[in-house]
Amino acid sequence: MLRILPRNRDSARANRTTGYLMLAVVAMVMLFAIWRGLENSLQPRRAINAEPARTFYETVPGVPIEGLPAARRQHLLAKLNSTTCTCECGLSLARCRNTDQTCKNSLELALKFVNDSPD
């Protein structure tokens, strides 16, 4: 006759111990997966809109650079195209102003550059 139940106490205890060990391993794997997920979520991520290749913008909406002398204008455009916006978009100030004209961070920083630049 085929026996499904263990023959004696020792084999029952061994089966129970094996079950506990398997449960412990599964719990450890799950905890590790949760920990890795939390660790990855805390890492700073590259912004979705980050520029793959920099585009040089000649105009910056909301920033009065049209009436400036050519040398000063080129200097400001270079600075606005190379400085990253502080709004976490990952874009340059010039691109942020061109793609999202509601961004207050890029406008404030761009106007600060215009006001602080030497004449």
Protein backbone atom coordinates (compact mmCIF):
# COMPACT_ATOMS: atom_id res chain seq x y z
CA MET A 1 0.00 0.00 0.00
CA LEU A 2 1.20 3.53 -0.84
CA ARG A 3 1.71 5.66 2.22
CA ILE A 4 1.12 9.40 1.89
CA LEU A 5 1.64 10.22 5.54
CA PRO A 6 5.11 10.14 7.05
CA ARG A 7 6.13 6.90 8.72
CA ASN A 8 7.37 8.31 11.98
CA ARG A 9 7.94 11.48 13.95
CA ASP A 10 11.45 12.10 12.64
CA SER A 11 10.35 12.23 9.02
CA ALA A 12 7.37 14.44 9.97
CA ARG A 13 9.72 16.81 11.79
CA ALA A 14 12.10 16.82 8.82
CA ASN A 15 9.23 17.65 6.45
CA ARG A 16 8.06 20.44 8.73
CA THR A 17 11.61 21.84 9.02
CA THR A 18 12.00 21.75 5.24
CA GLY A 19 8.71 23.60 4.90
CA TYR A 20 9.83 26.28 7.35
CA LEU A 21 13.15 26.68 5.53
CA MET A 22 11.36 27.07 2.19
CA LEU A 23 9.03 29.64 3.73
CA ALA A 24 12.00 31.54 5.15
CA VAL A 25 13.76 31.55 1.77
CA VAL A 26 10.64 32.81 -0.02
CA ALA A 27 10.19 35.54 2.62
CA MET A 28 13.84 36.61 2.25
CA VAL A 29 13.53 36.78 -1.55
CA MET A 30 10.38 38.88 -1.24
CA LEU A 31 12.01 41.24 1.27
CA PHE A 32 15.05 41.59 -1.00
CA ALA A 33 12.80 42.42 -3.97
CA ILE A 34 10.92 45.03 -1.94
CA TRP A 35 14.20 46.53 -0.70
CA ARG A 36 15.58 46.75 -4.26
CA GLY A 37 12.37 48.39 -5.44
CA LEU A 38 12.57 51.00 -2.71
CA GLU A 39 16.25 51.57 -3.33
CA ASN A 40 15.64 52.09 -7.05
CA SER A 41 12.76 54.46 -6.41
CA LEU A 42 15.00 56.69 -4.30
CA GLN A 43 17.61 57.02 -7.04
CA PRO A 44 17.44 60.23 -9.07
CA ARG A 45 16.17 59.42 -12.51
CA ARG A 46 16.98 61.01 -15.80
CA ALA A 47 14.12 63.26 -16.77
CA ILE A 48 11.79 61.98 -19.46
CA ASN A 49 12.19 65.18 -21.47
CA ALA A 50 15.97 65.32 -21.16
CA GLU A 51 17.62 66.41 -24.35
CA PRO A 52 19.36 63.61 -26.28
CA ALA A 53 21.22 66.20 -28.34
CA ARG A 54 21.44 69.85 -27.41
CA THR A 55 19.61 72.24 -29.68
CA PHE A 56 20.81 75.82 -29.71
CA TYR A 57 17.84 78.13 -29.27
CA GLU A 58 18.11 81.65 -30.69
CA THR A 59 14.95 82.86 -28.93
CA VAL A 60 13.86 82.48 -25.33
CA PRO A 61 10.20 83.34 -24.70
CA GLY A 62 9.62 85.85 -21.92
CA VAL A 63 13.27 86.93 -21.81
CA PRO A 64 14.06 90.34 -23.36
CA ILE A 65 17.26 89.68 -25.33
CA GLU A 66 16.23 91.01 -28.76
CA GLY A 67 17.45 94.58 -28.18
CA LEU A 68 20.84 93.62 -26.72
CA PRO A 69 24.14 94.11 -28.51
CA ALA A 70 25.17 91.08 -30.60
CA ALA A 71 28.11 90.01 -28.41
CA ARG A 72 26.11 90.23 -25.19
CA ARG A 73 23.15 88.49 -26.80
CA GLN A 74 25.32 85.58 -28.00
CA HIS A 75 26.93 85.28 -24.56
CA LEU A 76 23.50 85.15 -22.88
CA LEU A 77 22.14 82.65 -25.42
CA ALA A 78 25.14 80.40 -24.85
CA LYS A 79 24.60 80.60 -21.09
CA LEU A 80 20.84 79.97 -21.37
CA ASN A 81 21.41 77.02 -23.72
CA SER A 82 24.02 75.41 -21.46
CA THR A 83 22.52 75.95 -17.99
CA THR A 84 20.11 73.28 -16.75
CA CYS A 85 16.74 74.40 -15.43
CA THR A 86 16.06 73.89 -11.72
CA CYS A 87 12.50 72.56 -12.23
CA GLU A 88 13.67 68.92 -12.55
CA CYS A 89 12.82 68.75 -16.25
CA GLY A 90 16.46 68.10 -17.16
CA LEU A 91 16.33 70.64 -19.99
CA SER A 92 18.43 73.70 -20.64
CA LEU A 93 16.88 77.00 -19.61
CA ALA A 94 16.37 77.97 -23.25
CA ARG A 95 14.68 74.67 -24.15
CA CYS A 96 12.54 74.72 -21.00
CA ARG A 97 11.33 78.24 -21.86
CA ASN A 98 10.60 77.16 -25.46
CA THR A 99 8.75 73.97 -24.50
CA ASP A 100 7.05 75.05 -21.26
CA GLN A 101 6.41 78.79 -21.05
CA THR A 102 4.58 78.32 -17.73
CA CYS A 103 7.77 77.27 -15.91
CA LYS A 104 8.53 79.92 -13.30
CA ASN A 105 11.98 78.53 -12.42
CA SER A 106 13.38 78.91 -15.92
CA LEU A 107 11.92 82.40 -16.30
CA GLU A 108 13.33 83.64 -12.97
CA LEU A 109 16.78 82.20 -13.64
CA ALA A 110 16.88 83.46 -17.24
CA LEU A 111 15.85 86.98 -16.18
CA LYS A 112 18.50 86.86 -13.45
CA PHE A 113 21.13 86.06 -16.09
CA VAL A 114 19.93 88.97 -18.26
CA ASN A 115 19.97 91.41 -15.31
CA ASP A 116 23.31 90.21 -13.91
CA SER A 117 25.22 90.13 -17.18
CA PRO A 118 27.66 92.99 -17.78
CA ASP A 119 26.69 95.65 -20.32
